Amino acid sequence: MNRKKLNKARRELAQLRRSPQKAAALESLAGRLGRKLVKRGKEPMWENTKFDQLYALSIPHHGGRDLSLGTQRSILDQLEDDVLAWEEWLGDDEEAQNEWDNGEDNGIG
């Protein structure tokens, strides 16, 4: 995941909030945010492989119909937590890279 992909995911997340969605659209975004489908429970569960502190996410299939708005909002809220975790991780990574580029903590200068 890089900053460009994260910004695209954030824009798509905002777009998905504007209208009813099918499970496939939300599963696609979940996959791009680092979640993997796991066999657990009655509904399909998606676990984040990078961030263990994030809860597993259930994205129910309802025969190709749109998800109810409450269910959709709940799923999108959890996916937004994924975006925030990625932003924090990328921010820490960029700070470390900037320190290296500036000669801090690398023995140069």
Protein backbone atom coordinates (compact mmCIF):
# COMPACT_ATOMS: atom_id res chain seq x y z
CA MET A 1 0.00 0.00 0.00
CA ASN A 2 1.30 3.43 -0.87
CA ARG A 3 -0.07 6.95 -0.50
CA LYS A 4 -1.54 7.00 -4.03
CA LYS A 5 -3.49 3.75 -3.52
CA LEU A 6 -4.65 4.93 -0.11
CA ASN A 7 -5.98 8.21 -1.53
CA LYS A 8 -7.85 6.27 -4.21
CA ALA A 9 -9.36 3.97 -1.56
CA ARG A 10 -10.45 7.01 0.48
CA ARG A 11 -12.19 8.54 -2.56
CA GLU A 12 -13.91 5.24 -3.32
CA LEU A 13 -15.02 4.93 0.30
CA ALA A 14 -16.65 8.37 0.09
CA GLN A 15 -18.33 7.41 -3.19
CA LEU A 16 -19.68 4.15 -1.75
CA ARG A 17 -21.37 6.11 1.05
CA ARG A 18 -23.50 8.04 -1.46
CA SER A 19 -25.70 5.21 -2.73
CA PRO A 20 -26.83 1.66 -1.89
CA GLN A 21 -24.20 -0.98 -2.67
CA LYS A 22 -23.95 -4.69 -3.24
CA ALA A 23 -21.64 -6.86 -1.16
CA ALA A 24 -19.19 -7.31 -4.06
CA ALA A 25 -18.31 -3.60 -4.15
CA LEU A 26 -17.53 -3.57 -0.43
CA GLU A 27 -15.59 -6.84 -0.64
CA SER A 28 -13.45 -5.38 -3.41
CA LEU A 29 -12.52 -2.39 -1.28
CA ALA A 30 -11.90 -4.61 1.75
CA GLY A 31 -9.49 -6.72 -0.30
CA ARG A 32 -7.56 -3.67 -1.50
CA LEU A 33 -7.25 -2.45 2.11
CA GLY A 34 -5.46 -5.65 3.12
CA ARG A 35 -8.35 -7.82 4.30
CA LYS A 36 -8.56 -11.51 3.43
CA LEU A 37 -11.60 -13.76 3.37
CA VAL A 38 -11.53 -16.34 6.18
CA LYS A 39 -13.84 -19.26 6.94
CA ARG A 40 -15.45 -18.39 10.23
CA GLY A 41 -19.08 -18.06 11.18
CA LYS A 42 -22.23 -17.99 9.10
CA GLU A 43 -21.47 -14.94 6.95
CA PRO A 44 -18.22 -14.32 5.04
CA MET A 45 -15.64 -12.76 7.38
CA TRP A 46 -12.79 -10.50 6.32
CA GLU A 47 -9.72 -10.14 8.56
CA ASN A 48 -7.02 -7.54 8.16
CA THR A 49 -3.66 -9.23 7.61
CA LYS A 50 -1.55 -6.15 8.41
CA PHE A 51 -3.28 -4.75 11.50
CA ASP A 52 -4.23 -7.30 14.15
CA GLN A 53 -5.96 -4.69 16.33
CA LEU A 54 -8.75 -4.21 13.75
CA TYR A 55 -11.84 -6.35 14.19
CA ALA A 56 -12.88 -9.00 11.69
CA LEU A 57 -15.50 -7.68 9.31
CA SER A 58 -18.61 -9.52 8.17
CA ILE A 59 -19.89 -8.61 4.70
CA PRO A 60 -23.15 -10.52 4.19
CA HIS A 61 -24.38 -11.70 0.78
CA HIS A 62 -28.08 -11.22 0.17
CA GLY A 63 -28.61 -12.86 -3.17
CA GLY A 64 -27.17 -10.00 -5.23
CA ARG A 65 -29.47 -7.41 -3.64
CA ASP A 66 -28.28 -4.12 -2.22
CA LEU A 67 -27.26 -4.17 1.43
CA SER A 68 -29.47 -2.36 3.90
CA LEU A 69 -28.25 1.17 4.61
CA GLY A 70 -27.47 0.44 8.26
CA THR A 71 -25.40 -2.62 7.36
CA GLN A 72 -23.64 -0.70 4.61
CA ARG A 73 -22.80 2.21 6.94
CA SER A 74 -21.44 -0.16 9.58
CA ILE A 75 -19.19 -1.92 7.07
CA LEU A 76 -17.96 1.38 5.62
CA ASP A 77 -17.20 2.69 9.12
CA GLN A 78 -14.99 -0.34 9.76
CA LEU A 79 -13.29 0.06 6.37
CA GLU A 80 -12.64 3.70 7.26
CA ASP A 81 -10.81 2.43 10.36
CA ASP A 82 -8.63 0.42 7.96
CA VAL A 83 -7.87 3.58 5.97
CA LEU A 84 -6.93 5.43 9.17
CA ALA A 85 -4.65 2.57 10.24
CA TRP A 86 -2.93 2.64 6.84
CA GLU A 87 -2.52 6.44 7.04
CA GLU A 88 -0.91 6.11 10.45
CA TRP A 89 1.37 3.32 9.23
CA LEU A 90 2.37 5.24 6.11
CA GLY A 91 2.91 8.40 8.14
CA ASP A 92 5.29 6.59 10.49
CA ASP A 93 7.07 5.05 7.51
CA GLU A 94 7.40 8.42 5.75
CA GLU A 95 8.76 10.05 8.93
CA ALA A 96 11.40 7.33 9.23
CA GLN A 97 12.31 7.79 5.55
CA ASN A 98 12.56 11.59 6.00
CA GLU A 99 14.83 11.13 9.02
CA TRP A 100 17.04 8.85 6.93
CA ASP A 101 17.09 11.33 4.04
CA ASN A 102 18.04 14.16 6.44
CA GLY A 103 20.92 12.19 7.87
CA GLU A 104 19.34 11.65 11.27
CA ASP A 105 20.07 8.34 13.02
CA ASN A 106 22.05 6.97 10.09
CA GLY A 107 25.58 7.98 11.14
CA ILE A 108 25.93 10.57 8.38
CA GLY A 109 26.73 14.17 9.19
